[in-house]
Amino acid sequence: MTETVSVELGERSYPVVVGPGVRQQLPDVIPSGVRRVAVITQPGIPWTVEPGVETLHIDVPDGEAAKSLAMVETICGQLSRAGFTRADALVALGGGVVTDLTGFVASVYHRGIPFVSVATTLLAQVDAAIGGKTGVNLAEGKNLVGAFWQPSAVLCDTETLETLPAREVQCGSGEIAKYHFLGGGPLDGLALADRVAACVRIKADVVAADEREGGRRAVLNYGHTLAHALETAGNYGLKHGEAVAVGLAYAAEVAVRLGRIDQTRVAEHYRVLAAYGLPTKVPDGLGSEDLLPLFVRDKKALDGITLVLDGPHGVEPVVGIDAGILADALEAVR
């Protein structure tokens, strides 16, 4: 069964199609008039697509190392040598790394060309491919260079999830766990394809209300402040969803210390994470001195350290949290 969710952004609205085999719909969602397409993917992705127009294939390295300004320059050079213009488009075929990188290239090449995401991982389908947040990493932190650039369409082919390694499924489950606390409820009781569709609906609603993260959209970063610090300090030893899971546990520990939630709500965070077999502890070798300084580089940090926290009115950004509370909560997840 296929479900189409619309991300409502006026003239820039676009469909997110969820279901088995939907990658085959790619020719139908390529923008009208596009002459050629560059498919950007990674060698280890066992899927192909047929855009229905002349196609250039570009492989990028596996892992977060591909999300660099150097790789952006390399891809833009290939596009330029091939004569790509604004009459052409990009297709991201892969997971969150490919989606973030391709979207950013699309935003800057010729000051913006169309792109379509064919999301092949659970992480990409429930989060990374939707919403137009693109970016690459710096040595100083994750996704610190980027742009808001919406895709023309997103295809979430649930067939591709059947071949994912267990750790990749777990990685995506870290983002699904987040949605439990953003109005999704007990998503662990649903079939996997239904979980994906439920997460897409939540994200589409949030993005439509706050495209550029001026307010409500910040809730999508629940668990991400510590997660990004863990990824940066740990040289991406944890996958993103695993880091988000630890970040969710940490956010609950901070919130209970601020009196925003009670121990029953903290326990629900740990229950959800356990249901997906997700980690809740900071890896050995990373301490407060490694992680807390990275909080101030986080993109949400507008006035001191800002964390997205659960509370009596739901999940929301909280500014100016005492450093002692942050450090004490970190000990709870070590």
Protein backbone atom coordinates (compact mmCIF):
# COMPACT_ATOMS: atom_id res chain seq x y z
CA MET A 1 0.00 0.00 0.00
CA THR A 2 1.29 3.45 -0.95
CA GLU A 3 0.68 6.69 0.93
CA THR A 4 1.41 10.19 -0.32
CA VAL A 5 1.97 13.00 2.19
CA SER A 6 2.20 16.58 0.98
CA VAL A 7 4.66 19.04 2.51
CA GLU A 8 2.57 22.19 2.20
CA LEU A 9 4.76 25.14 1.26
CA GLY A 10 2.56 27.01 -1.18
CA GLU A 11 4.01 27.01 -4.69
CA ARG A 12 6.94 24.92 -3.41
CA SER A 13 4.79 22.14 -1.94
CA TYR A 14 5.94 18.63 -2.80
CA PRO A 15 4.88 15.02 -2.31
CA VAL A 16 6.52 12.43 -0.07
CA VAL A 17 5.50 9.01 -1.39
CA VAL A 18 5.83 6.08 1.01
CA GLY A 19 5.44 2.46 -0.01
CA PRO A 20 7.00 -0.62 -1.60
CA GLY A 21 8.54 -0.07 -5.01
CA VAL A 22 7.92 3.68 -5.17
CA ARG A 23 11.44 4.31 -6.52
CA GLN A 24 9.96 3.24 -9.84
CA GLN A 25 7.84 6.42 -9.78
CA LEU A 26 10.95 8.58 -10.21
CA PRO A 27 10.20 9.55 -13.86
CA ASP A 28 6.79 10.80 -12.72
CA VAL A 29 8.23 13.21 -10.11
CA ILE A 30 11.19 14.60 -12.07
CA PRO A 31 10.25 18.27 -12.66
CA SER A 32 8.76 19.03 -16.04
CA GLY A 33 11.26 20.22 -18.61
CA VAL A 34 14.34 18.71 -16.98
CA ARG A 35 16.76 17.61 -19.70
CA ARG A 36 19.27 15.57 -17.72
CA VAL A 37 19.69 14.17 -14.23
CA ALA A 38 22.78 13.46 -12.14
CA VAL A 39 22.18 10.56 -9.75
CA ILE A 40 24.40 10.97 -6.68
CA THR A 41 24.84 7.78 -4.66
CA GLN A 42 27.39 5.61 -2.83
CA PRO A 43 29.03 2.40 -4.08
CA GLY A 44 27.54 0.24 -1.33
CA ILE A 45 23.91 1.09 -2.10
CA PRO A 46 22.39 -1.94 -3.87
CA TRP A 47 19.62 -0.02 -5.66
CA THR A 48 19.36 1.69 -9.00
CA VAL A 49 16.84 4.11 -10.47
CA GLU A 50 15.74 5.04 -13.97
CA PRO A 51 14.92 8.77 -14.12
CA GLY A 52 13.59 8.54 -17.67
CA VAL A 53 16.00 11.17 -19.03
CA GLU A 54 19.71 11.26 -19.89
CA THR A 55 21.60 10.38 -16.69
CA LEU A 56 25.03 11.08 -15.22
CA HIS A 57 26.07 8.85 -12.30
CA ILE A 58 28.25 10.25 -9.51
CA ASP A 59 29.53 8.07 -6.66
CA VAL A 60 30.65 9.61 -3.37
CA PRO A 61 32.50 7.88 -0.50
CA ASP A 62 30.68 6.02 2.23
CA GLY A 63 30.18 7.59 5.64
CA GLU A 64 30.15 11.12 7.03
CA ALA A 65 33.50 11.83 5.33
CA ALA A 66 31.51 12.44 2.14
CA LYS A 67 29.79 15.43 3.74
CA SER A 68 32.58 17.94 3.18
CA LEU A 69 33.12 21.19 1.32
CA ALA A 70 35.82 19.43 -0.68
CA MET A 71 33.27 16.88 -1.92
CA VAL A 72 30.83 19.67 -2.79
CA GLU A 73 33.55 21.24 -4.94
CA THR A 74 34.31 17.89 -6.57
CA ILE A 75 30.67 17.25 -7.48
CA CYS A 76 30.10 20.80 -8.73
CA GLY A 77 33.18 20.43 -10.91
CA GLN A 78 31.82 17.21 -12.41
CA LEU A 79 28.47 18.88 -13.09
CA SER A 80 30.15 21.87 -14.70
CA ARG A 81 32.37 19.75 -16.93
CA ALA A 82 29.29 17.81 -18.02
CA GLY A 83 27.54 21.07 -18.90
CA PHE A 84 24.76 20.88 -16.30
CA THR A 85 22.58 24.00 -16.04
CA ARG A 86 19.41 25.07 -14.28
CA ALA A 87 17.52 23.04 -16.87
CA ASP A 88 18.90 19.89 -15.25
CA ALA A 89 18.34 18.22 -11.87
CA LEU A 90 19.94 16.03 -9.23
CA VAL A 91 18.69 12.80 -7.68
CA ALA A 92 19.89 11.67 -4.25
CA LEU A 93 19.85 7.87 -4.08
CA GLY A 94 20.76 6.70 -0.60
CA GLY A 95 20.59 7.59 3.06
CA GLY A 96 21.03 10.69 5.16
CA VAL A 97 24.60 11.42 4.04
CA VAL A 98 23.65 11.34 0.36
CA THR A 99 20.50 13.36 0.97
CA ASP A 100 22.27 16.09 2.95
CA LEU A 101 25.13 16.34 0.48
CA THR A 102 23.03 16.24 -2.69
CA GLY A 103 20.56 18.78 -1.35
CA PHE A 104 23.38 21.18 -0.49
CA VAL A 105 24.99 20.78 -3.92
CA ALA A 106 21.58 21.46 -5.49
CA SER A 107 21.22 24.62 -3.39
CA VAL A 108 24.54 26.14 -4.49
CA TYR A 109 25.21 24.86 -8.02
CA HIS A 110 24.17 27.65 -10.41
CA ARG A 111 22.58 29.23 -7.32
CA GLY A 112 20.02 26.46 -7.14
CA ILE A 113 18.76 23.58 -9.28
CA PRO A 114 15.98 21.04 -8.60
CA PHE A 115 16.58 17.75 -6.81
CA VAL A 116 14.61 14.66 -5.87
CA SER A 117 15.42 12.30 -3.00
CA VAL A 118 15.03 8.55 -3.32
CA ALA A 119 15.55 7.59 0.32
CA THR A 120 16.86 4.05 0.83
CA THR A 121 17.53 4.00 4.59
CA LEU A 122 15.18 4.22 7.53
CA LEU A 123 16.96 7.33 8.81
CA ALA A 124 16.51 9.13 5.50
CA GLN A 125 12.89 8.09 5.09
CA VAL A 126 11.70 9.27 8.48
CA ASP A 127 13.86 12.36 8.76
CA ALA A 128 16.83 13.38 6.63
CA ALA A 129 15.19 13.39 3.19
CA ILE A 130 12.23 15.53 4.21
CA GLY A 131 12.13 19.22 4.99
CA GLY A 132 14.87 20.81 2.93
CA LYS A 133 17.62 21.03 5.56
CA THR A 134 20.84 20.32 3.69
CA GLY A 135 24.44 20.59 4.76
CA VAL A 136 27.98 19.35 5.18
CA ASN A 137 30.30 19.02 8.16
CA LEU A 138 33.30 20.96 9.38
CA ALA A 139 36.01 19.62 11.68
CA GLU A 140 34.41 21.86 14.32
CA GLY A 141 30.98 20.25 14.11
CA LYS A 142 28.24 18.54 12.15
CA ASN A 143 26.10 20.30 9.52
CA LEU A 144 27.60 23.72 10.29
CA VAL A 145 27.55 24.70 6.61
CA GLY A 146 24.26 24.27 4.82
CA ALA A 147 21.12 25.75 3.34
CA PHE A 148 17.37 25.32 3.31
CA TRP A 149 16.60 23.91 -0.14
CA GLN A 150 13.42 21.93 -0.61
CA PRO A 151 13.31 18.87 -2.90
CA SER A 152 10.83 18.57 -5.72
CA ALA A 153 9.70 15.20 -4.35
CA VAL A 154 10.77 12.46 -1.96
CA LEU A 155 10.32 8.75 -2.61
CA CYS A 156 10.50 6.51 0.48
CA ASP A 157 10.67 3.01 -0.97
CA THR A 158 9.99 0.63 1.92
CA GLU A 159 11.31 -2.30 -0.16
CA THR A 160 14.81 -0.93 0.35
CA LEU A 161 14.47 -1.34 4.12
CA GLU A 162 14.31 -5.11 3.76
CA THR A 163 17.99 -5.31 2.81
CA LEU A 164 19.37 -2.93 5.44
CA PRO A 165 21.90 -4.25 7.94
CA ALA A 166 20.52 -4.45 11.47
CA ARG A 167 22.65 -1.51 12.61
CA GLU A 168 21.21 0.71 9.85
CA VAL A 169 17.68 -0.16 10.98
CA GLN A 170 18.70 0.66 14.54
CA CYS A 171 20.15 3.96 13.34
CA GLY A 172 16.82 4.97 11.81
CA SER A 173 15.01 3.79 14.91
CA GLY A 174 16.79 6.51 16.89
CA GLU A 175 14.92 9.11 14.88
CA ILE A 176 11.66 7.16 15.14
CA ALA A 177 12.08 7.15 18.93
CA LYS A 178 12.19 10.94 18.81
CA TYR A 179 8.80 11.07 17.12
CA HIS A 180 7.20 9.19 20.03
CA PHE A 181 7.59 12.43 21.98
CA LEU A 182 6.51 14.75 19.17
CA GLY A 183 2.95 13.47 19.05
CA GLY A 184 3.53 10.09 17.46
CA GLY A 185 2.51 8.07 20.50
CA PRO A 186 3.36 4.34 20.73
CA LEU A 187 4.88 3.94 17.29
CA ASP A 188 6.63 0.74 18.35
CA GLY A 189 3.23 -0.97 18.09
CA LEU A 190 3.01 -0.32 14.34
CA ALA A 191 4.41 -2.22 11.37
CA LEU A 192 7.61 -0.65 10.05
CA ALA A 193 6.04 0.86 6.93
CA ASP A 194 3.28 2.41 9.05
CA ARG A 195 5.90 3.88 11.39
CA VAL A 196 7.62 5.49 8.44
CA ALA A 197 4.36 7.02 7.20
CA ALA A 198 3.47 8.29 10.68
CA CYS A 199 6.86 9.98 11.07
CA VAL A 200 6.58 11.53 7.60
CA ARG A 201 3.18 13.01 8.50
CA ILE A 202 4.54 14.55 11.70
CA LYS A 203 7.60 16.02 10.01
CA ALA A 204 5.62 17.35 7.06
CA ASP A 205 3.26 19.13 9.45
CA VAL A 206 6.11 20.70 11.42
CA VAL A 207 8.02 21.80 8.30
CA ALA A 208 4.89 23.34 6.76
CA ALA A 209 4.38 25.40 9.93
CA ASP A 210 8.02 26.51 10.28
CA GLU A 211 10.15 25.90 7.20
CA ARG A 212 13.31 27.68 8.36
CA GLU A 213 13.40 26.67 12.00
CA GLY A 214 12.32 30.02 13.39
CA GLY A 215 10.29 28.40 16.13
CA ARG A 216 8.34 25.16 16.15
CA ARG A 217 10.67 23.27 13.81
CA ALA A 218 13.38 23.25 16.48
CA VAL A 219 11.46 20.40 18.15
CA LEU A 220 12.74 18.12 15.38
CA ASN A 221 16.17 18.51 16.99
CA TYR A 222 15.02 16.73 20.14
CA GLY A 223 17.99 14.70 21.37
CA HIS A 224 20.33 16.24 18.80
CA THR A 225 22.46 18.63 20.87
CA LEU A 226 24.29 15.84 22.65
CA ALA A 227 23.99 13.64 19.55
CA HIS A 228 25.95 16.04 17.37
CA ALA A 229 28.54 16.52 20.12
CA LEU A 230 28.94 12.74 20.40
CA GLU A 231 29.38 12.42 16.65
CA THR A 232 31.94 15.22 16.46
CA ALA A 233 33.96 14.29 19.58
CA GLY A 234 33.78 10.59 18.78
CA ASN A 235 34.78 11.04 15.12
CA TYR A 236 31.45 9.53 14.03
CA GLY A 237 32.03 6.22 15.76
CA LEU A 238 28.34 6.24 16.66
CA LYS A 239 25.84 6.30 13.84
CA HIS A 240 23.51 9.30 13.88
CA GLY A 241 20.44 7.49 15.18
CA GLU A 242 22.46 5.82 17.93
CA ALA A 243 23.77 9.23 19.00
CA VAL A 244 20.24 10.64 18.94
CA ALA A 245 19.09 7.81 21.22
CA VAL A 246 21.72 8.72 23.82
CA GLY A 247 20.73 12.35 23.31
CA LEU A 248 17.09 11.55 24.06
CA ALA A 249 18.03 9.85 27.31
CA TYR A 250 20.22 12.82 28.20
CA ALA A 251 17.47 15.33 27.37
CA ALA A 252 15.11 13.48 29.70
CA GLU A 253 17.72 13.58 32.48
CA VAL A 254 18.18 17.33 32.01
CA ALA A 255 14.42 17.94 31.92
CA VAL A 256 13.77 16.05 35.17
CA ARG A 257 16.52 18.02 36.91
CA LEU A 258 14.84 21.24 35.80
CA GLY A 259 11.49 20.02 37.14
CA ARG A 260 9.96 19.98 33.67
CA ILE A 261 9.04 16.27 33.75
CA ASP A 262 8.76 13.58 36.40
CA GLN A 263 10.46 10.21 36.76
CA THR A 264 7.53 8.43 35.08
CA ARG A 265 8.16 10.45 31.92
CA VAL A 266 11.90 9.75 32.17
CA ALA A 267 11.11 6.05 32.42
CA GLU A 268 8.98 6.30 29.26
CA HIS A 269 12.01 7.64 27.38
CA TYR A 270 14.07 4.65 28.48
CA ARG A 271 11.19 2.25 27.66
CA VAL A 272 10.93 3.56 24.10
CA LEU A 273 14.70 3.39 23.57
CA ALA A 274 14.79 -0.16 24.94
CA ALA A 275 11.92 -1.17 22.62
CA TYR A 276 14.19 -0.39 19.67
CA GLY A 277 17.33 -1.85 21.25
CA LEU A 278 18.98 1.57 21.26
CA PRO A 279 21.93 2.73 23.38
CA THR A 280 21.41 5.13 26.28
CA LYS A 281 24.98 5.63 27.47
CA VAL A 282 27.82 7.87 26.31
CA PRO A 283 30.66 5.77 24.84
CA ASP A 284 33.72 5.22 27.01
CA GLY A 285 36.42 7.83 26.63
CA LEU A 286 34.12 10.83 26.15
CA GLY A 287 33.67 13.10 29.17
CA SER A 288 32.09 16.44 30.00
CA GLU A 289 35.25 18.24 28.96
CA ASP A 290 34.91 16.73 25.46
CA LEU A 291 31.18 17.21 24.99
CA LEU A 292 29.89 20.29 26.81
CA PRO A 293 32.08 22.80 24.91
CA LEU A 294 30.54 21.52 21.67
CA PHE A 295 27.05 22.50 22.86
CA VAL A 296 27.80 26.18 22.24
CA ARG A 297 28.57 25.43 18.57
CA ASP A 298 25.17 23.87 18.09
CA LYS A 299 23.03 25.71 15.53
CA LYS A 300 20.24 26.22 18.10
CA ALA A 301 22.57 28.06 20.50
CA LEU A 302 21.27 31.61 20.04
CA ASP A 303 21.69 32.90 23.60
CA GLY A 304 23.88 30.52 25.57
CA ILE A 305 23.41 26.77 25.49
CA THR A 306 20.00 25.76 24.14
CA LEU A 307 18.50 22.28 24.45
CA VAL A 308 15.20 20.98 23.15
CA LEU A 309 13.49 19.45 26.18
CA ASP A 310 10.27 17.72 27.11
CA GLY A 311 8.01 19.52 29.53
CA PRO A 312 4.47 20.31 30.67
CA HIS A 313 3.64 21.93 27.32
CA GLY A 314 5.43 19.32 25.25
CA VAL A 315 8.84 19.40 23.61
CA GLU A 316 10.30 22.90 23.17
CA PRO A 317 13.65 24.77 23.12
CA VAL A 318 14.98 25.85 26.52
CA VAL A 319 17.67 28.54 26.75
CA GLY A 320 20.32 29.30 29.35
CA ILE A 321 20.52 26.01 31.24
CA ASP A 322 22.92 25.96 34.18
CA ALA A 323 26.20 24.24 33.34
CA GLY A 324 26.10 22.26 36.59
CA ILE A 325 22.79 20.69 35.63
CA LEU A 326 24.13 19.81 32.18
CA ALA A 327 27.19 18.15 33.68
CA ASP A 328 25.19 16.28 36.35
CA ALA A 329 22.74 14.94 33.74
CA LEU A 330 25.66 13.81 31.61
CA GLU A 331 26.91 11.66 34.48
CA ALA A 332 23.51 9.91 34.48
CA VAL A 333 24.10 8.68 30.93
CA ARG A 334 27.70 7.56 31.42
